[in-house]
Structures are given as C-alpha cells and as structure tokens.
Amino acid sequence: MCHCHACQRRTGSAFGLQAGYQADQARIEGSSREYARTSTEPDQHVHAFHFCPECGSTVYCIEEDAPEFVAVMVGAFADRAFPAPSFSVYGLRRHRWLALPEGIEHDDVWSELQSLYGAGEYEAVADRGRDLIAANPLNAQLIYNVACCESMAGRAADAIEHLRQAIAIAPDPLRGMAAEDSDLDAVRGEPGFQALLG
C-alpha cells in the first residue's frame, strides 16, 4: 500500500495497492503499454508500470533493477476476498482520513526521520533510530532504514546487527534490496554481510 504522490496520481485515488510475487509465480499474457517513471528518491530507481491499452488500468509493475519480482495491482484481481495489505509506505503523504488495517506494518514512524535522511544527517538518524526501534521492534522497514544510515555514518557493527534484525522479520524483499542498496556499500565488505544475503 503506497501513499506517495506518484501512486496517487497514477491511480487517481488516495493510494496504490499492489501484491508482490517472484517473477516465476506470474505469467504475463496479452498486450500492454509501459509508463516508466524515475523515482524522486535519492536512489532514482526506474519503475516500469504496464497498463492495459484498452481501458488504461495499471496491471503490473517491474523494476529495472529487480526483474526477479513483479508487482500486480490488487484491483486487477477484482476479488473482495483478497488479503488485506501487510505493509504501508510513504505514510508522510497518507491522507489523514485514511485508516490503516489493524496490524499492518507501516513507515509512519520512519517519516519522523525521513527529513534527516534526506538532508544527509545519518548520525542523527542513527542516534534517534535506536529509541524508535526499541519502541517498534517488529517494524522491518524502520530497522532496515536505520541500518542504512548507520552504514553511512560509519557504524558498521550497528548497521550489520540491525540489518540482521530487519531481514529476520521480512526476508523478502529486504534480502534482495540489501544486495543492491548503495546505502549499504560501506558495510558490504564486513564479515557477516554476505551471510545475511545467503
């Protein structure tokens, strides 16, 4: 469940909702048109959205740097029994009237630190992140993001430990993300890093 402005504009709704699959779990048939969008985040990932040329609905998305995953838009299933989302991102841009499902993991906590991350104040994020992790010990995204900031702040041991915790909670997609994330370049050569990706 994504509340970013790009997903709001793309869907014409208050959020985008997609289900992630390994590429070998999905079969793509029929024709589609592609809309490629470069993220405004520092990573500048390219998101390739495929939509139906007949009705204009977005059907699926594949990221250029992660072809092993495919995200299918939940609305394409037209299934009222489809499971509730388990993860919500860009809480900073979530419409305040929109309540999240009970028990969903969300990044509203991370949004408290996002401006510091954007300003490159990684040590400040690492310092504040410890208390937030203690209060939210199962929030894999928070823990992962703090690990990234610890990496860039030169706190290798803390980064490896928090990365281990995050991957233990949500092995997919965090393991794949960590393999490519430039925020973790400073700890890539540390003992134990490759073991986490195993």
N, C-alpha and C. Protein backbone atom coordinates (compact mmCIF):
# COMPACT_ATOMS: atom_id res chain seq x y z
N MET A 1 0.87 -1.17 0.00
CA MET A 1 0.00 0.00 0.00
C MET A 1 0.91 1.23 0.00
N CYS A 2 0.85 2.01 -1.09
CA CYS A 2 1.77 3.13 -1.22
C CYS A 2 0.99 4.44 -1.31
N HIS A 3 1.38 5.40 -0.48
CA HIS A 3 0.68 6.68 -0.41
C HIS A 3 1.46 7.81 -1.08
N CYS A 4 2.50 7.47 -1.85
CA CYS A 4 3.30 8.53 -2.48
C CYS A 4 2.46 9.30 -3.49
N HIS A 5 2.86 10.53 -3.77
CA HIS A 5 2.11 11.35 -4.71
C HIS A 5 2.05 10.73 -6.09
N ALA A 6 3.13 10.03 -6.49
CA ALA A 6 3.15 9.41 -7.82
C ALA A 6 2.08 8.33 -7.92
N CYS A 7 1.92 7.51 -6.88
CA CYS A 7 0.89 6.47 -6.91
C CYS A 7 -0.51 7.10 -6.85
N GLN A 8 -0.65 8.18 -6.10
CA GLN A 8 -1.95 8.85 -6.06
C GLN A 8 -2.32 9.36 -7.44
N ARG A 9 -1.36 9.96 -8.14
CA ARG A 9 -1.65 10.48 -9.48
C ARG A 9 -1.87 9.34 -10.47
N ARG A 10 -1.04 8.29 -10.36
CA ARG A 10 -1.14 7.17 -11.30
C ARG A 10 -2.49 6.47 -11.21
N THR A 11 -3.00 6.31 -9.99
CA THR A 11 -4.26 5.59 -9.80
C THR A 11 -5.48 6.50 -9.82
N GLY A 12 -5.26 7.80 -9.61
CA GLY A 12 -6.40 8.70 -9.48
C GLY A 12 -7.14 8.47 -8.18
N SER A 13 -6.46 7.86 -7.21
CA SER A 13 -7.05 7.53 -5.91
C SER A 13 -6.14 8.06 -4.81
N ALA A 14 -6.42 7.65 -3.57
CA ALA A 14 -5.64 8.14 -2.44
C ALA A 14 -4.37 7.33 -2.21
N PHE A 15 -4.25 6.17 -2.86
CA PHE A 15 -3.07 5.31 -2.68
C PHE A 15 -3.02 4.28 -3.80
N GLY A 16 -1.88 3.63 -3.94
CA GLY A 16 -1.73 2.49 -4.83
C GLY A 16 -1.65 1.22 -4.01
N LEU A 17 -2.18 0.13 -4.54
CA LEU A 17 -2.19 -1.13 -3.80
C LEU A 17 -1.74 -2.25 -4.73
N GLN A 18 -0.64 -2.90 -4.36
CA GLN A 18 -0.11 -3.96 -5.21
C GLN A 18 0.35 -5.15 -4.39
N ALA A 19 0.36 -6.32 -5.06
CA ALA A 19 0.80 -7.56 -4.43
C ALA A 19 2.08 -8.00 -5.12
N GLY A 20 3.10 -8.35 -4.34
CA GLY A 20 4.40 -8.72 -4.90
C GLY A 20 4.56 -10.22 -5.06
N TYR A 21 5.14 -10.62 -6.18
CA TYR A 21 5.38 -12.03 -6.48
C TYR A 21 6.78 -12.20 -7.05
N GLN A 22 7.33 -13.40 -6.88
CA GLN A 22 8.52 -13.77 -7.62
C GLN A 22 8.11 -13.86 -9.09
N ALA A 23 9.02 -13.50 -10.00
CA ALA A 23 8.67 -13.47 -11.42
C ALA A 23 8.18 -14.83 -11.92
N ASP A 24 8.72 -15.93 -11.36
CA ASP A 24 8.29 -17.25 -11.83
C ASP A 24 6.94 -17.68 -11.27
N GLN A 25 6.33 -16.83 -10.43
CA GLN A 25 4.99 -17.11 -9.91
C GLN A 25 3.91 -16.44 -10.76
N ALA A 26 4.31 -15.63 -11.73
CA ALA A 26 3.34 -14.89 -12.54
C ALA A 26 3.60 -15.14 -14.02
N ARG A 27 2.52 -15.21 -14.79
CA ARG A 27 2.64 -15.35 -16.23
C ARG A 27 1.98 -14.12 -16.86
N ILE A 28 2.71 -13.43 -17.70
CA ILE A 28 2.20 -12.22 -18.33
C ILE A 28 1.71 -12.57 -19.73
N GLU A 29 0.46 -12.25 -20.00
CA GLU A 29 -0.14 -12.54 -21.31
C GLU A 29 -0.81 -11.28 -21.84
N GLY A 30 -0.95 -11.21 -23.14
CA GLY A 30 -1.66 -10.10 -23.75
C GLY A 30 -0.76 -8.89 -23.93
N SER A 31 -1.32 -7.84 -24.50
CA SER A 31 -0.53 -6.64 -24.78
C SER A 31 -0.67 -5.63 -23.66
N SER A 32 0.35 -4.80 -23.52
CA SER A 32 0.31 -3.73 -22.53
C SER A 32 1.15 -2.58 -23.04
N ARG A 33 0.93 -1.41 -22.50
CA ARG A 33 1.75 -0.24 -22.77
C ARG A 33 2.54 0.05 -21.50
N GLU A 34 3.71 0.63 -21.65
CA GLU A 34 4.58 0.87 -20.50
C GLU A 34 4.71 2.36 -20.21
N TYR A 35 4.65 2.66 -18.91
CA TYR A 35 4.95 4.01 -18.43
C TYR A 35 6.11 3.88 -17.45
N ALA A 36 7.28 4.40 -17.80
CA ALA A 36 8.46 4.31 -16.94
C ALA A 36 8.62 5.61 -16.18
N ARG A 37 8.75 5.49 -14.88
CA ARG A 37 8.87 6.67 -14.03
C ARG A 37 10.13 6.54 -13.18
N THR A 38 10.96 7.57 -13.16
CA THR A 38 12.16 7.58 -12.33
C THR A 38 11.81 8.17 -10.98
N SER A 39 12.16 7.44 -9.93
CA SER A 39 11.85 7.87 -8.57
C SER A 39 12.52 9.21 -8.25
N THR A 40 11.84 10.01 -7.45
CA THR A 40 12.44 11.27 -6.99
C THR A 40 13.28 11.06 -5.74
N GLU A 41 13.32 9.81 -5.24
CA GLU A 41 14.15 9.47 -4.09
C GLU A 41 15.63 9.48 -4.53
N PRO A 42 16.56 9.54 -3.56
CA PRO A 42 17.99 9.55 -3.91
C PRO A 42 18.43 8.37 -4.76
N ASP A 43 17.75 7.20 -4.62
CA ASP A 43 18.16 6.02 -5.40
C ASP A 43 17.81 6.15 -6.88
N GLN A 44 16.83 7.00 -7.22
CA GLN A 44 16.40 7.23 -8.60
C GLN A 44 16.10 5.93 -9.35
N HIS A 45 15.43 5.00 -8.66
CA HIS A 45 15.01 3.76 -9.31
C HIS A 45 14.02 4.06 -10.42
N VAL A 46 14.06 3.22 -11.46
CA VAL A 46 13.08 3.33 -12.54
C VAL A 46 11.98 2.31 -12.29
N HIS A 47 10.74 2.77 -12.22
CA HIS A 47 9.58 1.90 -12.03
C HIS A 47 8.86 1.82 -13.37
N ALA A 48 8.73 0.61 -13.92
CA ALA A 48 8.08 0.42 -15.21
C ALA A 48 6.67 -0.12 -14.99
N PHE A 49 5.68 0.74 -15.13
CA PHE A 49 4.28 0.35 -14.96
C PHE A 49 3.70 -0.06 -16.31
N HIS A 50 3.01 -1.19 -16.33
CA HIS A 50 2.38 -1.68 -17.55
C HIS A 50 0.88 -1.54 -17.40
N PHE A 51 0.25 -0.91 -18.39
CA PHE A 51 -1.18 -0.69 -18.30
C PHE A 51 -1.89 -1.22 -19.54
N CYS A 52 -3.16 -1.51 -19.39
CA CYS A 52 -3.98 -2.04 -20.47
C CYS A 52 -4.23 -0.95 -21.50
N PRO A 53 -3.93 -1.21 -22.79
CA PRO A 53 -4.14 -0.18 -23.80
C PRO A 53 -5.62 0.05 -24.12
N GLU A 54 -6.47 -0.85 -23.64
CA GLU A 54 -7.91 -0.71 -23.91
C GLU A 54 -8.60 0.15 -22.86
N CYS A 55 -8.40 -0.19 -21.58
CA CYS A 55 -9.12 0.54 -20.52
C CYS A 55 -8.24 1.52 -19.75
N GLY A 56 -6.91 1.40 -19.87
CA GLY A 56 -6.00 2.32 -19.20
C GLY A 56 -5.62 1.92 -17.79
N SER A 57 -6.15 0.81 -17.28
CA SER A 57 -5.81 0.39 -15.92
C SER A 57 -4.38 -0.11 -15.82
N THR A 58 -3.68 0.31 -14.76
CA THR A 58 -2.36 -0.25 -14.50
C THR A 58 -2.55 -1.69 -14.03
N VAL A 59 -1.81 -2.62 -14.63
CA VAL A 59 -1.98 -4.04 -14.30
C VAL A 59 -0.81 -4.58 -13.49
N TYR A 60 0.43 -4.24 -13.89
CA TYR A 60 1.58 -4.75 -13.16
C TYR A 60 2.76 -3.81 -13.30
N CYS A 61 3.78 -4.07 -12.47
CA CYS A 61 4.97 -3.23 -12.45
C CYS A 61 6.20 -4.11 -12.28
N ILE A 62 7.24 -3.82 -13.03
CA ILE A 62 8.52 -4.50 -12.86
C ILE A 62 9.59 -3.41 -12.73
N GLU A 63 10.46 -3.55 -11.75
CA GLU A 63 11.53 -2.57 -11.57
C GLU A 63 12.76 -3.00 -12.35
N GLU A 64 13.38 -2.05 -12.98
CA GLU A 64 14.53 -2.29 -13.85
C GLU A 64 15.64 -3.06 -13.14
N ASP A 65 15.88 -2.74 -11.87
CA ASP A 65 16.98 -3.36 -11.15
C ASP A 65 16.55 -4.57 -10.33
N ALA A 66 15.29 -4.99 -10.45
CA ALA A 66 14.82 -6.17 -9.73
C ALA A 66 13.87 -6.98 -10.61
N PRO A 67 14.35 -7.48 -11.77
CA PRO A 67 13.47 -8.19 -12.70
C PRO A 67 12.95 -9.51 -12.14
N GLU A 68 13.50 -9.95 -11.01
CA GLU A 68 13.03 -11.20 -10.41
C GLU A 68 11.71 -11.04 -9.67
N PHE A 69 11.24 -9.79 -9.53
CA PHE A 69 9.97 -9.52 -8.85
C PHE A 69 8.98 -8.88 -9.81
N VAL A 70 7.70 -9.17 -9.60
CA VAL A 70 6.65 -8.49 -10.33
C VAL A 70 5.57 -8.09 -9.33
N ALA A 71 5.09 -6.86 -9.45
CA ALA A 71 4.02 -6.37 -8.58
C ALA A 71 2.75 -6.28 -9.42
N VAL A 72 1.70 -6.94 -8.96
CA VAL A 72 0.42 -6.93 -9.67
C VAL A 72 -0.53 -6.03 -8.88
N MET A 73 -1.19 -5.12 -9.58
CA MET A 73 -2.12 -4.21 -8.91
C MET A 73 -3.31 -5.02 -8.37
N VAL A 74 -3.60 -4.83 -7.09
CA VAL A 74 -4.63 -5.64 -6.43
C VAL A 74 -6.00 -5.46 -7.08
N GLY A 75 -6.29 -4.25 -7.57
CA GLY A 75 -7.58 -4.03 -8.22
C GLY A 75 -7.78 -4.91 -9.45
N ALA A 76 -6.68 -5.36 -10.08
CA ALA A 76 -6.79 -6.20 -11.27
C ALA A 76 -7.38 -7.57 -10.95
N PHE A 77 -7.31 -7.99 -9.68
CA PHE A 77 -7.86 -9.29 -9.30
C PHE A 77 -9.38 -9.25 -9.16
N ALA A 78 -9.94 -8.07 -8.89
CA ALA A 78 -11.40 -7.93 -8.69
C ALA A 78 -11.91 -9.00 -7.73
N ASP A 79 -11.23 -9.12 -6.60
CA ASP A 79 -11.52 -10.18 -5.63
C ASP A 79 -11.70 -9.57 -4.25
N ARG A 80 -12.94 -9.53 -3.76
CA ARG A 80 -13.21 -8.94 -2.44
C ARG A 80 -12.54 -9.72 -1.32
N ALA A 81 -12.21 -10.98 -1.56
CA ALA A 81 -11.59 -11.81 -0.53
C ALA A 81 -10.06 -11.71 -0.54
N PHE A 82 -9.51 -10.86 -1.42
CA PHE A 82 -8.05 -10.74 -1.48
C PHE A 82 -7.54 -10.28 -0.12
N PRO A 83 -6.41 -10.83 0.35
CA PRO A 83 -5.91 -10.46 1.68
C PRO A 83 -5.65 -8.96 1.83
N ALA A 84 -5.79 -8.48 3.04
CA ALA A 84 -5.50 -7.07 3.34
C ALA A 84 -4.02 -6.82 3.16
N PRO A 85 -3.63 -5.59 2.88
CA PRO A 85 -2.20 -5.29 2.73
C PRO A 85 -1.46 -5.52 4.05
N SER A 86 -0.20 -5.90 3.93
CA SER A 86 0.60 -6.16 5.13
C SER A 86 1.62 -5.06 5.38
N PHE A 87 1.77 -4.15 4.43
CA PHE A 87 2.83 -3.16 4.52
C PHE A 87 2.36 -1.86 3.88
N SER A 88 2.58 -0.74 4.55
CA SER A 88 2.18 0.56 4.05
C SER A 88 3.38 1.49 4.03
N VAL A 89 3.61 2.17 2.89
CA VAL A 89 4.76 3.07 2.77
C VAL A 89 4.30 4.48 2.41
N TYR A 90 5.23 5.42 2.59
CA TYR A 90 5.00 6.85 2.36
C TYR A 90 3.86 7.38 3.24
N GLY A 91 3.89 6.95 4.51
CA GLY A 91 2.87 7.41 5.45
C GLY A 91 2.85 8.92 5.61
N LEU A 92 3.97 9.56 5.32
CA LEU A 92 4.04 11.01 5.42
C LEU A 92 3.05 11.68 4.48
N ARG A 93 2.69 10.99 3.39
CA ARG A 93 1.77 11.55 2.40
C ARG A 93 0.39 10.88 2.43
N ARG A 94 0.16 10.04 3.45
CA ARG A 94 -1.14 9.38 3.57
C ARG A 94 -2.21 10.39 3.94
N HIS A 95 -3.36 10.30 3.27
CA HIS A 95 -4.49 11.17 3.62
C HIS A 95 -4.89 10.88 5.06
N ARG A 96 -5.00 11.90 5.87
CA ARG A 96 -5.22 11.72 7.30
C ARG A 96 -6.52 11.02 7.64
N TRP A 97 -7.51 11.07 6.74
CA TRP A 97 -8.78 10.40 6.99
C TRP A 97 -8.73 8.91 6.69
N LEU A 98 -7.60 8.45 6.09
CA LEU A 98 -7.49 7.06 5.68
C LEU A 98 -6.90 6.22 6.81
N ALA A 99 -7.73 5.34 7.39
CA ALA A 99 -7.27 4.47 8.47
C ALA A 99 -6.59 3.24 7.88
N LEU A 100 -5.49 2.80 8.49
CA LEU A 100 -4.79 1.61 8.03
C LEU A 100 -5.40 0.37 8.68
N PRO A 101 -5.34 -0.78 7.98
CA PRO A 101 -5.82 -2.03 8.59
C PRO A 101 -5.06 -2.35 9.87
N GLU A 102 -5.73 -2.94 10.81
CA GLU A 102 -5.11 -3.28 12.09
C GLU A 102 -3.97 -4.27 11.87
N GLY A 103 -2.84 -4.01 12.51
CA GLY A 103 -1.69 -4.90 12.46
C GLY A 103 -0.78 -4.70 11.27
N ILE A 104 -1.11 -3.77 10.37
CA ILE A 104 -0.27 -3.55 9.19
C ILE A 104 1.05 -2.88 9.60
N GLU A 105 2.13 -3.31 8.96
CA GLU A 105 3.41 -2.66 9.19
C GLU A 105 3.43 -1.38 8.37
N HIS A 106 3.89 -0.30 8.96
CA HIS A 106 3.86 0.98 8.24
C HIS A 106 5.10 1.80 8.55
N ASP A 107 5.31 2.81 7.72
CA ASP A 107 6.51 3.63 7.87
C ASP A 107 6.22 4.99 8.48
N ASP A 108 5.06 5.15 9.10
CA ASP A 108 4.76 6.45 9.72
C ASP A 108 5.85 6.81 10.73
N VAL A 109 6.38 5.80 11.40
CA VAL A 109 7.46 6.04 12.37
C VAL A 109 8.71 6.55 11.64
N TRP A 110 9.03 5.92 10.51
CA TRP A 110 10.21 6.33 9.73
C TRP A 110 10.05 7.76 9.23
N SER A 111 8.83 8.19 8.97
CA SER A 111 8.63 9.54 8.43
C SER A 111 9.16 10.61 9.38
N GLU A 112 9.26 10.27 10.68
CA GLU A 112 9.84 11.20 11.65
C GLU A 112 11.32 11.47 11.34
N LEU A 113 11.96 10.50 10.71
CA LEU A 113 13.40 10.60 10.44
C LEU A 113 13.72 10.89 8.98
N GLN A 114 12.70 10.85 8.13
CA GLN A 114 12.93 10.93 6.70
C GLN A 114 13.59 12.25 6.27
N SER A 115 13.21 13.35 6.90
CA SER A 115 13.80 14.64 6.52
C SER A 115 15.29 14.67 6.88
N LEU A 116 15.66 14.06 8.01
CA LEU A 116 17.07 13.98 8.39
C LEU A 116 17.86 13.14 7.38
N TYR A 117 17.25 12.02 6.96
CA TYR A 117 17.89 11.17 5.96
C TYR A 117 18.09 11.96 4.66
N GLY A 118 17.06 12.67 4.24
CA GLY A 118 17.14 13.45 3.01
C GLY A 118 18.20 14.54 3.08
N ALA A 119 18.45 15.05 4.29
CA ALA A 119 19.46 16.10 4.47
C ALA A 119 20.86 15.53 4.68
N GLY A 120 20.97 14.19 4.65
CA GLY A 120 22.28 13.56 4.83
C GLY A 120 22.77 13.54 6.26
N GLU A 121 21.86 13.73 7.22
CA GLU A 121 22.26 13.72 8.64
C GLU A 121 22.12 12.30 9.19
N TYR A 122 22.99 11.42 8.70
CA TYR A 122 22.87 10.00 9.01
C TYR A 122 23.16 9.68 10.47
N GLU A 123 24.09 10.39 11.09
CA GLU A 123 24.38 10.15 12.50
C GLU A 123 23.18 10.49 13.38
N ALA A 124 22.48 11.56 13.03
CA ALA A 124 21.29 11.94 13.80
C ALA A 124 20.21 10.88 13.66
N VAL A 125 20.05 10.33 12.46
CA VAL A 125 19.08 9.25 12.26
C VAL A 125 19.47 8.04 13.09
N ALA A 126 20.77 7.69 13.06
CA ALA A 126 21.24 6.54 13.82
C ALA A 126 21.00 6.74 15.31
N ASP A 127 21.24 7.94 15.81
CA ASP A 127 21.04 8.21 17.24
C ASP A 127 19.58 8.09 17.63
N ARG A 128 18.70 8.72 16.87
CA ARG A 128 17.27 8.70 17.20
C ARG A 128 16.64 7.35 16.88
N GLY A 129 17.20 6.69 15.89
CA GLY A 129 16.63 5.42 15.44
C GLY A 129 16.64 4.34 16.50
N ARG A 130 17.64 4.34 17.36
CA ARG A 130 17.73 3.29 18.39
C ARG A 130 16.49 3.29 19.28
N ASP A 131 16.06 4.47 19.71
CA ASP A 131 14.88 4.55 20.58
C ASP A 131 13.62 4.14 19.83
N LEU A 132 13.53 4.55 18.56
CA LEU A 132 12.35 4.19 17.77
C LEU A 132 12.30 2.69 17.51
N ILE A 133 13.46 2.07 17.30
CA ILE A 133 13.49 0.61 17.11
C ILE A 133 13.06 -0.09 18.40
N ALA A 134 13.52 0.42 19.54
CA ALA A 134 13.13 -0.19 20.82
C ALA A 134 11.62 -0.14 21.03
N ALA A 135 10.99 0.94 20.53
CA ALA A 135 9.55 1.09 20.68
C ALA A 135 8.78 0.36 19.58
N ASN A 136 9.47 0.03 18.47
CA ASN A 136 8.82 -0.63 17.33
C ASN A 136 9.70 -1.79 16.84
N PRO A 137 9.88 -2.82 17.68
CA PRO A 137 10.86 -3.86 17.39
C PRO A 137 10.52 -4.78 16.21
N LEU A 138 9.29 -4.71 15.69
CA LEU A 138 8.90 -5.55 14.57
C LEU A 138 8.73 -4.77 13.28
N ASN A 139 9.11 -3.49 13.28
CA ASN A 139 8.96 -2.67 12.09
C ASN A 139 10.22 -2.83 11.22
N ALA A 140 10.14 -3.78 10.28
CA ALA A 140 11.31 -4.13 9.48
C ALA A 140 11.82 -2.96 8.65
N GLN A 141 10.91 -2.15 8.11
CA GLN A 141 11.36 -1.03 7.29
C GLN A 141 12.13 -0.01 8.11
N LEU A 142 11.62 0.31 9.29
CA LEU A 142 12.31 1.25 10.18
C LEU A 142 13.71 0.72 10.49
N ILE A 143 13.80 -0.54 10.88
CA ILE A 143 15.08 -1.12 11.28
C ILE A 143 16.05 -1.14 10.08
N TYR A 144 15.54 -1.50 8.92
CA TYR A 144 16.37 -1.53 7.71
C TYR A 144 16.90 -0.13 7.39
N ASN A 145 16.03 0.87 7.43
CA ASN A 145 16.44 2.24 7.09
C ASN A 145 17.45 2.79 8.10
N VAL A 146 17.27 2.47 9.37
CA VAL A 146 18.24 2.90 10.37
C VAL A 146 19.58 2.21 10.10
N ALA A 147 19.55 0.93 9.71
CA ALA A 147 20.79 0.22 9.38
C ALA A 147 21.52 0.91 8.23
N CYS A 148 20.77 1.37 7.24
CA CYS A 148 21.38 2.08 6.11
C CYS A 148 22.08 3.35 6.59
N CYS A 149 21.42 4.08 7.48
CA CYS A 149 22.01 5.32 7.99
C CYS A 149 23.22 5.03 8.87
N GLU A 150 23.16 3.95 9.64
CA GLU A 150 24.33 3.56 10.45
C GLU A 150 25.50 3.21 9.54
N SER A 151 25.21 2.55 8.43
CA SER A 151 26.26 2.24 7.46
C SER A 151 26.93 3.51 6.97
N MET A 152 26.12 4.49 6.58
CA MET A 152 26.68 5.73 6.03
C MET A 152 27.30 6.62 7.09
N ALA A 153 26.96 6.36 8.36
CA ALA A 153 27.56 7.12 9.46
C ALA A 153 28.83 6.46 9.98
N GLY A 154 29.21 5.33 9.38
CA GLY A 154 30.43 4.64 9.79
C GLY A 154 30.25 3.74 11.00
N ARG A 155 29.02 3.37 11.32
CA ARG A 155 28.75 2.49 12.47
C ARG A 155 28.46 1.08 11.95
N ALA A 156 29.49 0.44 11.48
CA ALA A 156 29.35 -0.84 10.78
C ALA A 156 28.70 -1.92 11.64
N ALA A 157 29.14 -2.09 12.87
CA ALA A 157 28.61 -3.16 13.72
C ALA A 157 27.12 -2.98 13.97
N ASP A 158 26.71 -1.74 14.25
CA ASP A 158 25.29 -1.46 14.47
C ASP A 158 24.50 -1.73 13.19
N ALA A 159 25.05 -1.31 12.05
CA ALA A 159 24.36 -1.50 10.77
C ALA A 159 24.14 -2.98 10.47
N ILE A 160 25.17 -3.80 10.68
CA ILE A 160 25.05 -5.24 10.41
C ILE A 160 24.02 -5.87 11.34
N GLU A 161 24.04 -5.49 12.61
CA GLU A 161 23.09 -6.07 13.57
C GLU A 161 21.66 -5.68 13.23
N HIS A 162 21.43 -4.42 12.91
CA HIS A 162 20.06 -4.00 12.57
C HIS A 162 19.61 -4.58 11.23
N LEU A 163 20.54 -4.73 10.30
CA LEU A 163 20.19 -5.36 9.04
C LEU A 163 19.80 -6.82 9.28
N ARG A 164 20.52 -7.49 10.18
CA ARG A 164 20.17 -8.87 10.53
C ARG A 164 18.76 -8.94 11.10
N GLN A 165 18.42 -8.01 12.00
CA GLN A 165 17.09 -8.00 12.60
C GLN A 165 16.01 -7.77 11.56
N ALA A 166 16.25 -6.81 10.65
CA ALA A 166 15.25 -6.49 9.63
C ALA A 166 15.00 -7.67 8.70
N ILE A 167 16.07 -8.32 8.25
CA ILE A 167 15.94 -9.45 7.34
C ILE A 167 15.26 -10.63 8.03
N ALA A 168 15.51 -10.80 9.33
CA ALA A 168 14.85 -11.88 10.06
C ALA A 168 13.33 -11.69 10.09
N ILE A 169 12.90 -10.43 10.14
CA ILE A 169 11.46 -10.14 10.18
C ILE A 169 10.85 -10.26 8.79
N ALA A 170 11.54 -9.74 7.78
CA ALA A 170 10.99 -9.72 6.41
C ALA A 170 12.07 -10.10 5.41
N PRO A 171 12.36 -11.40 5.28
CA PRO A 171 13.44 -11.83 4.38
C PRO A 171 13.25 -11.35 2.94
N ASP A 172 12.02 -11.41 2.46
CA ASP A 172 11.70 -10.89 1.13
C ASP A 172 10.82 -9.68 1.32
N PRO A 173 11.13 -8.55 0.74
CA PRO A 173 12.17 -8.33 -0.26
C PRO A 173 13.46 -7.74 0.29
N LEU A 174 13.63 -7.67 1.63
CA LEU A 174 14.78 -6.95 2.19
C LEU A 174 16.11 -7.57 1.82
N ARG A 175 16.15 -8.90 1.69
CA ARG A 175 17.42 -9.52 1.33
C ARG A 175 17.85 -9.05 -0.07
N GLY A 176 16.92 -9.06 -1.02
CA GLY A 176 17.23 -8.59 -2.36
C GLY A 176 17.55 -7.11 -2.39
N MET A 177 16.84 -6.34 -1.58
CA MET A 177 17.08 -4.90 -1.53
C MET A 177 18.47 -4.60 -1.00
N ALA A 178 18.87 -5.32 0.05
CA ALA A 178 20.19 -5.10 0.65
C ALA A 178 21.32 -5.42 -0.33
N ALA A 179 21.08 -6.40 -1.20
CA ALA A 179 22.12 -6.79 -2.16
C ALA A 179 22.45 -5.67 -3.13
N GLU A 180 21.49 -4.76 -3.37
CA GLU A 180 21.67 -3.71 -4.37
C GLU A 180 21.76 -2.31 -3.78
N ASP A 181 21.44 -2.15 -2.51
CA ASP A 181 21.27 -0.82 -1.92
C ASP A 181 22.63 -0.13 -1.70
N SER A 182 22.83 0.99 -2.39
CA SER A 182 24.10 1.70 -2.27
C SER A 182 24.30 2.30 -0.88
N ASP A 183 23.23 2.47 -0.12
CA ASP A 183 23.37 2.97 1.26
C ASP A 183 24.18 2.01 2.13
N LEU A 184 24.26 0.76 1.70
CA LEU A 184 24.98 -0.26 2.48
C LEU A 184 26.38 -0.56 1.94
N ASP A 185 26.83 0.23 0.98
CA ASP A 185 28.14 -0.03 0.37
C ASP A 185 29.27 -0.02 1.39
N ALA A 186 29.15 0.81 2.41
CA ALA A 186 30.23 0.94 3.41
C ALA A 186 30.40 -0.32 4.24
N VAL A 187 29.37 -1.17 4.32
CA VAL A 187 29.48 -2.38 5.14
C VAL A 187 29.49 -3.65 4.30
N ARG A 188 29.49 -3.48 2.99
CA ARG A 188 29.41 -4.64 2.09
C ARG A 188 30.58 -5.60 2.29
N GLY A 189 31.74 -5.09 2.68
CA GLY A 189 32.91 -5.93 2.89
C GLY A 189 33.06 -6.44 4.31
N GLU A 190 32.12 -6.09 5.17
CA GLU A 190 32.21 -6.50 6.58
C GLU A 190 31.89 -8.00 6.72
N PRO A 191 32.57 -8.67 7.68
CA PRO A 191 32.24 -10.08 7.95
C PRO A 191 30.76 -10.17 8.34
N GLY A 192 30.10 -11.13 7.80
CA GLY A 192 28.70 -11.33 8.15
C GLY A 192 27.71 -10.72 7.17
N PHE A 193 28.15 -9.73 6.39
CA PHE A 193 27.20 -9.10 5.46
C PHE A 193 26.71 -10.11 4.42
N GLN A 194 27.66 -10.80 3.77
CA GLN A 194 27.25 -11.76 2.74
C GLN A 194 26.44 -12.90 3.33
N ALA A 195 26.73 -13.27 4.58
CA ALA A 195 25.96 -14.32 5.24
C ALA A 195 24.49 -13.93 5.36
N LEU A 196 24.23 -12.64 5.56
CA LEU A 196 22.86 -12.16 5.68
C LEU A 196 22.10 -12.29 4.37
N LEU A 197 22.83 -12.25 3.25
CA LEU A 197 22.18 -12.33 1.95
C LEU A 197 21.95 -13.76 1.49
N GLY A 198 22.61 -14.71 2.21
CA GLY A 198 22.56 -16.12 1.82
C GLY A 198 21.20 -16.65 1.64
